[in-house]
């Protein structure tokens, strides 16, 4: 039981790290970055609700 809980936490951290990596592209133009920021917020909320 405890192992499953830890596995879930590890998977969540990996998913959050992937989202941060994808949406931290500072070379994107400002209008694209604002869209990426909104998508990042939505995905972050979805990940936390899992």
Protein backbone atom coordinates (compact mmCIF):
# COMPACT_ATOMS: atom_id res chain seq x y z
CA UNK A 1 0.00 0.00 0.00
CA UNK A 2 2.72 2.45 0.98
CA UNK A 3 4.73 1.60 -2.14
CA UNK A 4 1.75 2.44 -4.35
CA UNK A 5 1.33 5.82 -2.65
CA UNK A 6 4.99 6.63 -3.18
CA UNK A 7 4.80 5.54 -6.81
CA UNK A 8 1.85 7.89 -7.34
CA UNK A 9 3.76 10.78 -5.78
CA UNK A 10 6.81 10.08 -7.93
CA UNK A 11 4.70 9.97 -11.10
CA UNK A 12 3.06 13.27 -10.17
CA UNK A 13 6.44 14.95 -9.63
CA UNK A 14 7.69 13.63 -12.97
CA UNK A 15 4.58 14.93 -14.74
CA UNK A 16 4.91 18.35 -13.10
CA UNK A 17 8.58 18.53 -14.09
CA UNK A 18 7.64 17.72 -17.68
CA UNK A 19 5.05 20.51 -17.73
CA UNK A 20 7.55 23.00 -16.30
CA UNK A 21 10.12 21.95 -18.91
CA UNK A 22 7.66 22.31 -21.78
CA UNK A 23 6.29 25.71 -20.78
CA UNK A 24 9.47 27.46 -19.63
CA UNK A 25 10.49 28.34 -23.20
CA UNK A 26 11.70 31.93 -22.83
CA UNK A 27 12.40 32.23 -26.56
CA UNK A 28 8.69 32.28 -27.38
CA UNK A 29 7.23 35.65 -28.41
CA UNK A 30 5.22 37.37 -25.64
CA UNK A 31 1.81 36.56 -27.15
CA UNK A 32 2.73 32.89 -27.44
CA UNK A 33 4.16 32.90 -23.93
CA UNK A 34 0.88 34.17 -22.47
CA UNK A 35 -0.96 31.29 -24.14
CA UNK A 36 1.65 28.84 -22.86
CA UNK A 37 1.27 30.29 -19.36
CA UNK A 38 -2.50 29.74 -19.47
CA UNK A 39 -2.11 26.19 -20.75
CA UNK A 40 0.52 25.59 -18.07
CA UNK A 41 -1.93 26.73 -15.40
CA UNK A 42 -4.68 24.47 -16.71
CA UNK A 43 -2.39 21.45 -16.97
CA UNK A 44 -0.98 22.15 -13.52
CA UNK A 45 -4.50 22.16 -12.11
CA UNK A 46 -5.34 18.91 -13.88
CA UNK A 47 -2.19 17.23 -12.60
CA UNK A 48 -2.88 18.32 -9.02
CA UNK A 49 -6.45 17.01 -9.21
CA UNK A 50 -5.31 13.52 -10.26
